[in-house]
Amino acid sequence: MTGYHRRSIAETAIYRVKKLFGGNLSLRDYDEQVAEAMAIICILNKMTLAGIPENIRVA
């Protein structure tokens, strides 16, 4: 197994992030770029959680 499927999924995810938030970071300092990337990841995680349906067990 080459892991191509997992790589393809990761590449698709990065493509979507770049389309949503732009292809580059706007800040110049490295530490500020890291903080900007982390902020984008936090926003993306919140968007993902908002789209996941809640499972409710029916007795």
C-alpha atoms as a PDB file:
ATOM      1  CA  MET A   1       0.000   0.000   0.000  1.00  0.00           C
ATOM      2  CA  THR A   2       1.469   3.322  -1.058  1.00  0.00           C
ATOM      3  CA  GLY A   3      -0.676   5.668   1.022  1.00  0.00           C
ATOM      4  CA  TYR A   4      -1.742   7.551  -2.116  1.00  0.00           C
ATOM      5  CA  HIS A   5      -5.366   7.744  -0.946  1.00  0.00           C
ATOM      6  CA  ARG A   6      -4.409   9.458   2.309  1.00  0.00           C
ATOM      7  CA  ARG A   7      -2.135  11.881   0.448  1.00  0.00           C
ATOM      8  CA  SER A   8      -4.929  12.673  -1.991  1.00  0.00           C
ATOM      9  CA  ILE A   9      -7.309  13.469   0.883  1.00  0.00           C
ATOM     10  CA  ALA A  10      -4.691  15.714   2.508  1.00  0.00           C
ATOM     11  CA  GLU A  11      -4.033  17.552  -0.769  1.00  0.00           C
ATOM     12  CA  THR A  12      -7.766  18.096  -1.258  1.00  0.00           C
ATOM     13  CA  ALA A  13      -8.054  19.497   2.276  1.00  0.00           C
ATOM     14  CA  ILE A  14      -5.180  21.931   1.711  1.00  0.00           C
ATOM     15  CA  TYR A  15      -6.729  23.012  -1.604  1.00  0.00           C
ATOM     16  CA  ARG A  16     -10.013  23.781   0.158  1.00  0.00           C
ATOM     17  CA  VAL A  17      -8.252  25.770   2.905  1.00  0.00           C
ATOM     18  CA  LYS A  18      -6.406  27.832   0.291  1.00  0.00           C
ATOM     19  CA  LYS A  19      -9.642  28.506  -1.597  1.00  0.00           C
ATOM     20  CA  LEU A  20     -11.463  29.612   1.567  1.00  0.00           C
ATOM     21  CA  PHE A  21      -8.737  31.695   3.206  1.00  0.00           C
ATOM     22  CA  GLY A  22      -6.439  32.657   0.330  1.00  0.00           C
ATOM     23  CA  GLY A  23      -3.250  31.028  -0.859  1.00  0.00           C
ATOM     24  CA  ASN A  24      -0.749  32.952   1.240  1.00  0.00           C
ATOM     25  CA  LEU A  25      -0.216  34.440   4.665  1.00  0.00           C
ATOM     26  CA  SER A  26      -0.433  38.223   4.949  1.00  0.00           C
ATOM     27  CA  LEU A  27       1.985  38.771   7.828  1.00  0.00           C
ATOM     28  CA  ARG A  28       5.765  39.021   7.331  1.00  0.00           C
ATOM     29  CA  ASP A  29       7.254  37.874  10.637  1.00  0.00           C
ATOM     30  CA  TYR A  30       7.609  34.088  10.992  1.00  0.00           C
ATOM     31  CA  ASP A  31       6.075  33.937  14.479  1.00  0.00           C
ATOM     32  CA  GLU A  32       3.148  36.046  13.331  1.00  0.00           C
ATOM     33  CA  GLN A  33       2.687  33.768  10.302  1.00  0.00           C
ATOM     34  CA  VAL A  34       2.548  30.763  12.633  1.00  0.00           C
ATOM     35  CA  ALA A  35      -0.088  32.530  14.738  1.00  0.00           C
ATOM     36  CA  GLU A  36      -2.056  33.423  11.598  1.00  0.00           C
ATOM     37  CA  ALA A  37      -1.934  29.814  10.380  1.00  0.00           C
ATOM     38  CA  MET A  38      -3.091  28.569  13.785  1.00  0.00           C
ATOM     39  CA  ALA A  39      -5.988  31.052  13.718  1.00  0.00           C
ATOM     40  CA  ILE A  40      -7.002  29.765  10.277  1.00  0.00           C
ATOM     41  CA  ILE A  41      -6.870  26.189  11.587  1.00  0.00           C
ATOM     42  CA  CYS A  42      -9.047  27.114  14.576  1.00  0.00           C
ATOM     43  CA  ILE A  43     -11.605  28.744  12.284  1.00  0.00           C
ATOM     44  CA  LEU A  44     -11.573  25.723   9.998  1.00  0.00           C
ATOM     45  CA  ASN A  45     -12.077  23.361  12.948  1.00  0.00           C
ATOM     46  CA  LYS A  46     -15.068  25.410  14.137  1.00  0.00           C
ATOM     47  CA  MET A  47     -16.556  25.347  10.648  1.00  0.00           C
ATOM     48  CA  THR A  48     -16.060  21.578  10.487  1.00  0.00           C
ATOM     49  CA  LEU A  49     -17.679  21.049  13.891  1.00  0.00           C
ATOM     50  CA  ALA A  50     -20.628  23.221  12.848  1.00  0.00           C
ATOM     51  CA  GLY A  51     -21.236  20.932   9.893  1.00  0.00           C
ATOM     52  CA  ILE A  52     -21.144  17.647  11.807  1.00  0.00           C
ATOM     53  CA  PRO A  53     -24.611  16.466  12.869  1.00  0.00           C
ATOM     54  CA  GLU A  54     -25.217  15.561  16.486  1.00  0.00           C
ATOM     55  CA  ASN A  55     -26.048  11.945  17.175  1.00  0.00           C
ATOM     56  CA  ILE A  56     -28.905  11.432  19.605  1.00  0.00           C
ATOM     57  CA  ARG A  57     -29.605   7.966  20.934  1.00  0.00           C
ATOM     58  CA  VAL A  58     -33.261   7.016  20.822  1.00  0.00           C
ATOM     59  CA  ALA A  59     -34.318   4.680  23.582  1.00  0.00           C
END
